[in-house]
Amino acid sequence: MKILKWIRRVGKSLATLLRETRAELKKVIWPSFGQVRTFALITLAMIVGVGAILWGTDGVMSLLVGLVLKR
């Protein structure tokens, strides 16, 4: 009997969770396709930019370390 009460309680909790989740998702302002595309391009540009900076820094540091160790 205790297990049946537990199953009912879990079922009610799950139903409440799903109902509240659906209500919250109705409040969300979803971005348009244009906004998603713009944000994706900005993100991609930032990744490329930071990657280039790191690549350049690594190259300069490798050169400097190489010069110091050649002594």
C-alpha atoms as a PDB file:
ATOM      1  CA  MET A   1       0.000   0.000   0.000  1.00  0.00           C
ATOM      2  CA  LYS A   2       2.819   2.382   0.745  1.00  0.00           C
ATOM      3  CA  ILE A   3       4.209   1.835  -2.714  1.00  0.00           C
ATOM      4  CA  LEU A   4       0.881   2.785  -4.309  1.00  0.00           C
ATOM      5  CA  LYS A   5       0.807   6.037  -2.328  1.00  0.00           C
ATOM      6  CA  TRP A   6       4.375   6.732  -3.406  1.00  0.00           C
ATOM      7  CA  ILE A   7       3.499   6.075  -7.072  1.00  0.00           C
ATOM      8  CA  ARG A   8       0.481   8.436  -6.850  1.00  0.00           C
ATOM      9  CA  ARG A   9       2.593  11.133  -5.184  1.00  0.00           C
ATOM     10  CA  VAL A  10       5.304  10.828  -7.838  1.00  0.00           C
ATOM     11  CA  GLY A  11       2.663  10.874 -10.584  1.00  0.00           C
ATOM     12  CA  LYS A  12       1.100  14.054  -9.191  1.00  0.00           C
ATOM     13  CA  SER A  13       4.518  15.677  -8.824  1.00  0.00           C
ATOM     14  CA  LEU A  14       5.432  14.770 -12.393  1.00  0.00           C
ATOM     15  CA  ALA A  15       2.118  16.091 -13.713  1.00  0.00           C
ATOM     16  CA  THR A  16       2.630  19.345 -11.799  1.00  0.00           C
ATOM     17  CA  LEU A  17       6.168  19.661 -13.149  1.00  0.00           C
ATOM     18  CA  LEU A  18       5.026  19.155 -16.735  1.00  0.00           C
ATOM     19  CA  ARG A  19       2.128  21.600 -16.352  1.00  0.00           C
ATOM     20  CA  GLU A  20       4.385  24.294 -14.848  1.00  0.00           C
ATOM     21  CA  THR A  21       7.067  23.703 -17.475  1.00  0.00           C
ATOM     22  CA  ARG A  22       4.537  24.138 -20.258  1.00  0.00           C
ATOM     23  CA  ALA A  23       3.255  27.356 -18.667  1.00  0.00           C
ATOM     24  CA  GLU A  24       6.802  28.741 -18.392  1.00  0.00           C
ATOM     25  CA  LEU A  25       7.615  27.843 -21.997  1.00  0.00           C
ATOM     26  CA  LYS A  26       4.608  29.867 -23.133  1.00  0.00           C
ATOM     27  CA  LYS A  27       6.223  32.935 -21.532  1.00  0.00           C
ATOM     28  CA  VAL A  28       9.483  32.551 -23.468  1.00  0.00           C
ATOM     29  CA  ILE A  29      10.145  35.043 -26.246  1.00  0.00           C
ATOM     30  CA  TRP A  30      11.766  32.908 -28.916  1.00  0.00           C
ATOM     31  CA  PRO A  31      14.333  34.585 -31.193  1.00  0.00           C
ATOM     32  CA  SER A  32      13.623  34.892 -34.891  1.00  0.00           C
ATOM     33  CA  PHE A  33      15.667  32.991 -37.468  1.00  0.00           C
ATOM     34  CA  GLY A  34      17.489  36.202 -38.368  1.00  0.00           C
ATOM     35  CA  GLN A  35      18.516  36.784 -34.759  1.00  0.00           C
ATOM     36  CA  VAL A  36      19.737  33.201 -34.391  1.00  0.00           C
ATOM     37  CA  ARG A  37      21.754  33.519 -37.609  1.00  0.00           C
ATOM     38  CA  THR A  38      23.271  36.836 -36.482  1.00  0.00           C
ATOM     39  CA  PHE A  39      24.220  35.508 -33.049  1.00  0.00           C
ATOM     40  CA  ALA A  40      25.684  32.350 -34.604  1.00  0.00           C
ATOM     41  CA  LEU A  41      27.841  34.410 -36.976  1.00  0.00           C
ATOM     42  CA  ILE A  42      29.009  36.663 -34.146  1.00  0.00           C
ATOM     43  CA  THR A  43      29.899  33.588 -32.076  1.00  0.00           C
ATOM     44  CA  LEU A  44      31.772  32.044 -34.989  1.00  0.00           C
ATOM     45  CA  ALA A  45      33.693  35.280 -35.605  1.00  0.00           C
ATOM     46  CA  MET A  46      34.650  35.500 -31.937  1.00  0.00           C
ATOM     47  CA  ILE A  47      35.864  31.892 -31.926  1.00  0.00           C
ATOM     48  CA  VAL A  48      37.995  32.519 -35.010  1.00  0.00           C
ATOM     49  CA  GLY A  49      39.316  35.788 -33.545  1.00  0.00           C
ATOM     50  CA  VAL A  50      40.269  34.316 -30.196  1.00  0.00           C
ATOM     51  CA  GLY A  51      41.783  31.307 -31.959  1.00  0.00           C
ATOM     52  CA  ALA A  52      43.908  33.609 -34.117  1.00  0.00           C
ATOM     53  CA  ILE A  53      45.076  35.562 -31.072  1.00  0.00           C
ATOM     54  CA  LEU A  54      46.012  32.358 -29.244  1.00  0.00           C
ATOM     55  CA  TRP A  55      47.760  30.964 -32.332  1.00  0.00           C
ATOM     56  CA  GLY A  56      49.756  34.184 -32.745  1.00  0.00           C
ATOM     57  CA  THR A  57      50.657  34.335 -29.063  1.00  0.00           C
ATOM     58  CA  ASP A  58      51.768  30.701 -29.140  1.00  0.00           C
ATOM     59  CA  GLY A  59      53.926  31.377 -32.182  1.00  0.00           C
ATOM     60  CA  VAL A  60      55.606  34.397 -30.606  1.00  0.00           C
ATOM     61  CA  MET A  61      56.177  32.604 -27.305  1.00  0.00           C
ATOM     62  CA  SER A  62      57.611  29.552 -29.093  1.00  0.00           C
ATOM     63  CA  LEU A  63      59.980  31.820 -31.011  1.00  0.00           C
ATOM     64  CA  LEU A  64      61.082  33.596 -27.836  1.00  0.00           C
ATOM     65  CA  VAL A  65      61.605  30.365 -25.931  1.00  0.00           C
ATOM     66  CA  GLY A  66      63.548  28.964 -28.870  1.00  0.00           C
ATOM     67  CA  LEU A  67      65.816  32.038 -28.913  1.00  0.00           C
ATOM     68  CA  VAL A  68      66.392  31.897 -25.150  1.00  0.00           C
ATOM     69  CA  LEU A  69      67.242  28.189 -25.168  1.00  0.00           C
ATOM     70  CA  LYS A  70      69.693  28.526 -28.113  1.00  0.00           C
ATOM     71  CA  ARG A  71      72.180  30.486 -25.990  1.00  0.00           C
END
